């Protein structure tokens, strides 16, 4: 029981993201802190509570990386893709395909 309480306290202190459900929406809304300290709300576009929590945590992690100045567009794509795979099982970035040289015959 002490371990569970310690885990919950650690989770709360390290990740302040949360979710709420608005009256007129079937979707969960992610609440998280932006890199400049503002509290933001964004729809998760999911009705599954567990997926919504994961999405909210993902938003907050992106903001924390951005505030540390360690975020570039490739990292944003990677984190978004990882979050998509974790929540939906689908990748949002198409796998790279090897380029084949194109030979044009102009006769």
C-alpha atoms as a PDB file:
ATOM      1  CA  UNK A   1       0.000   0.000   0.000  1.00  0.00           C
ATOM      2  CA  UNK A   2       2.869   2.389   0.783  1.00  0.00           C
ATOM      3  CA  UNK A   3       4.390   1.687  -2.642  1.00  0.00           C
ATOM      4  CA  UNK A   4       1.111   2.556  -4.370  1.00  0.00           C
ATOM      5  CA  UNK A   5       0.827   5.833  -2.447  1.00  0.00           C
ATOM      6  CA  UNK A   6       4.439   6.698  -3.283  1.00  0.00           C
ATOM      7  CA  UNK A   7       3.819   5.869  -6.961  1.00  0.00           C
ATOM      8  CA  UNK A   8       0.709   8.059  -7.086  1.00  0.00           C
ATOM      9  CA  UNK A   9       2.500  10.951  -5.375  1.00  0.00           C
ATOM     10  CA  UNK A  10       5.458  10.659  -7.760  1.00  0.00           C
ATOM     11  CA  UNK A  11       3.102  10.559 -10.738  1.00  0.00           C
ATOM     12  CA  UNK A  12       1.248  13.668  -9.583  1.00  0.00           C
ATOM     13  CA  UNK A  13       4.460  15.606  -8.975  1.00  0.00           C
ATOM     14  CA  UNK A  14       6.049  14.687 -12.301  1.00  0.00           C
ATOM     15  CA  UNK A  15       3.035  14.829 -14.583  1.00  0.00           C
ATOM     16  CA  UNK A  16       0.283  17.334 -13.990  1.00  0.00           C
ATOM     17  CA  UNK A  17      -1.710  16.474 -17.104  1.00  0.00           C
ATOM     18  CA  UNK A  18      -5.320  15.500 -16.519  1.00  0.00           C
ATOM     19  CA  UNK A  19      -8.554  14.988 -18.419  1.00  0.00           C
ATOM     20  CA  UNK A  20     -12.089  16.300 -18.045  1.00  0.00           C
ATOM     21  CA  UNK A  21     -15.312  15.529 -19.818  1.00  0.00           C
ATOM     22  CA  UNK A  22     -17.406  18.491 -20.911  1.00  0.00           C
ATOM     23  CA  UNK A  23     -21.182  18.252 -20.665  1.00  0.00           C
ATOM     24  CA  UNK A  24     -21.963  18.633 -24.357  1.00  0.00           C
ATOM     25  CA  UNK A  25     -19.101  16.525 -25.698  1.00  0.00           C
ATOM     26  CA  UNK A  26     -18.662  12.784 -25.883  1.00  0.00           C
ATOM     27  CA  UNK A  27     -14.884  13.241 -26.061  1.00  0.00           C
ATOM     28  CA  UNK A  28     -12.418  13.675 -23.200  1.00  0.00           C
ATOM     29  CA  UNK A  29     -10.504  16.959 -22.994  1.00  0.00           C
ATOM     30  CA  UNK A  30      -6.796  16.996 -22.108  1.00  0.00           C
ATOM     31  CA  UNK A  31      -5.665  19.614 -19.573  1.00  0.00           C
ATOM     32  CA  UNK A  32      -1.946  20.308 -19.508  1.00  0.00           C
ATOM     33  CA  UNK A  33       0.633  23.027 -18.885  1.00  0.00           C
ATOM     34  CA  UNK A  34       2.212  24.777 -21.864  1.00  0.00           C
ATOM     35  CA  UNK A  35       5.906  25.619 -22.095  1.00  0.00           C
ATOM     36  CA  UNK A  36       5.181  29.183 -20.934  1.00  0.00           C
ATOM     37  CA  UNK A  37       3.167  28.046 -17.890  1.00  0.00           C
ATOM     38  CA  UNK A  38      -0.351  28.518 -19.235  1.00  0.00           C
ATOM     39  CA  UNK A  39      -2.990  25.865 -18.583  1.00  0.00           C
ATOM     40  CA  UNK A  40      -4.277  24.564 -21.919  1.00  0.00           C
ATOM     41  CA  UNK A  41      -7.238  22.404 -22.851  1.00  0.00           C
ATOM     42  CA  UNK A  42      -7.472  20.410 -26.047  1.00  0.00           C
ATOM     43  CA  UNK A  43      -9.899  17.732 -27.169  1.00  0.00           C
ATOM     44  CA  UNK A  44      -8.404  14.249 -27.315  1.00  0.00           C
ATOM     45  CA  UNK A  45     -11.011  13.160 -29.881  1.00  0.00           C
ATOM     46  CA  UNK A  46     -11.485   9.898 -27.979  1.00  0.00           C
ATOM     47  CA  UNK A  47     -14.210   8.527 -25.741  1.00  0.00           C
ATOM     48  CA  UNK A  48     -11.830   6.051 -24.082  1.00  0.00           C
ATOM     49  CA  UNK A  49     -10.651   7.403 -20.727  1.00  0.00           C
ATOM     50  CA  UNK A  50      -7.337   5.508 -20.681  1.00  0.00           C
ATOM     51  CA  UNK A  51      -6.426   6.674 -24.178  1.00  0.00           C
ATOM     52  CA  UNK A  52      -7.348  10.238 -23.237  1.00  0.00           C
ATOM     53  CA  UNK A  53      -5.002  10.138 -20.240  1.00  0.00           C
ATOM     54  CA  UNK A  54      -2.150   8.876 -22.427  1.00  0.00           C
ATOM     55  CA  UNK A  55      -2.796  11.641 -24.954  1.00  0.00           C
ATOM     56  CA  UNK A  56      -2.857  14.314 -22.221  1.00  0.00           C
ATOM     57  CA  UNK A  57       0.438  13.030 -20.817  1.00  0.00           C
ATOM     58  CA  UNK A  58       1.901  13.071 -24.337  1.00  0.00           C
ATOM     59  CA  UNK A  59       0.875  16.715 -24.825  1.00  0.00           C
ATOM     60  CA  UNK A  60       2.485  17.671 -21.536  1.00  0.00           C
ATOM     61  CA  UNK A  61       5.706  15.806 -22.357  1.00  0.00           C
ATOM     62  CA  UNK A  62       5.971  17.657 -25.669  1.00  0.00           C
ATOM     63  CA  UNK A  63       5.529  20.972 -23.891  1.00  0.00           C
ATOM     64  CA  UNK A  64       8.190  20.085 -21.315  1.00  0.00           C
ATOM     65  CA  UNK A  65      10.677  19.160 -24.020  1.00  0.00           C
ATOM     66  CA  UNK A  66       9.887  22.378 -25.848  1.00  0.00           C
ATOM     67  CA  UNK A  67      10.448  24.457 -22.713  1.00  0.00           C
ATOM     68  CA  UNK A  68      13.833  22.788 -22.222  1.00  0.00           C
ATOM     69  CA  UNK A  69      14.773  23.926 -25.730  1.00  0.00           C
ATOM     70  CA  UNK A  70      15.468  20.350 -26.769  1.00  0.00           C
ATOM     71  CA  UNK A  71      12.664  19.960 -29.252  1.00  0.00           C
ATOM     72  CA  UNK A  72      13.031  19.972 -33.008  1.00  0.00           C
ATOM     73  CA  UNK A  73      10.501  19.076 -35.675  1.00  0.00           C
ATOM     74  CA  UNK A  74      11.840  15.533 -36.075  1.00  0.00           C
ATOM     75  CA  UNK A  75      11.385  14.920 -32.364  1.00  0.00           C
ATOM     76  CA  UNK A  76       7.842  16.288 -32.491  1.00  0.00           C
ATOM     77  CA  UNK A  77       7.061  13.889 -35.339  1.00  0.00           C
ATOM     78  CA  UNK A  78       8.630  10.968 -33.458  1.00  0.00           C
ATOM     79  CA  UNK A  79       6.808  11.682 -30.188  1.00  0.00           C
ATOM     80  CA  UNK A  80       3.504  12.167 -32.020  1.00  0.00           C
ATOM     81  CA  UNK A  81       4.035   8.951 -33.956  1.00  0.00           C
ATOM     82  CA  UNK A  82       4.953   7.018 -30.794  1.00  0.00           C
ATOM     83  CA  UNK A  83       1.858   8.354 -29.042  1.00  0.00           C
ATOM     84  CA  UNK A  84      -0.322   7.388 -32.005  1.00  0.00           C
ATOM     85  CA  UNK A  85       1.107   3.861 -32.027  1.00  0.00           C
ATOM     86  CA  UNK A  86       0.617   3.529 -28.276  1.00  0.00           C
ATOM     87  CA  UNK A  87      -2.976   4.747 -28.283  1.00  0.00           C
ATOM     88  CA  UNK A  88      -4.386   3.538 -31.608  1.00  0.00           C
ATOM     89  CA  UNK A  89      -1.853   1.008 -32.821  1.00  0.00           C
ATOM     90  CA  UNK A  90      -1.452   2.971 -36.055  1.00  0.00           C
ATOM     91  CA  UNK A  91       1.576   4.879 -37.274  1.00  0.00           C
ATOM     92  CA  UNK A  92       1.040   8.395 -38.585  1.00  0.00           C
ATOM     93  CA  UNK A  93       4.371   8.487 -40.358  1.00  0.00           C
ATOM     94  CA  UNK A  94       4.688   6.305 -43.435  1.00  0.00           C
ATOM     95  CA  UNK A  95       7.733   4.051 -43.371  1.00  0.00           C
ATOM     96  CA  UNK A  96      10.539   5.165 -45.647  1.00  0.00           C
ATOM     97  CA  UNK A  97      10.768   3.343 -48.934  1.00  0.00           C
ATOM     98  CA  UNK A  98      14.019   2.979 -50.783  1.00  0.00           C
ATOM     99  CA  UNK A  99      14.362   5.361 -53.713  1.00  0.00           C
ATOM    100  CA  UNK A 100      14.747   3.775 -57.074  1.00  0.00           C
ATOM    101  CA  UNK A 101      16.498   5.690 -59.760  1.00  0.00           C
ATOM    102  CA  UNK A 102      14.180   6.764 -62.464  1.00  0.00           C
ATOM    103  CA  UNK A 103      15.516   6.167 -65.961  1.00  0.00           C
ATOM    104  CA  UNK A 104      13.821   8.135 -68.666  1.00  0.00           C
ATOM    105  CA  UNK A 105      14.377   7.057 -72.224  1.00  0.00           C
ATOM    106  CA  UNK A 106      14.136  10.057 -74.506  1.00  0.00           C
ATOM    107  CA  UNK A 107      14.433   8.748 -78.033  1.00  0.00           C
END
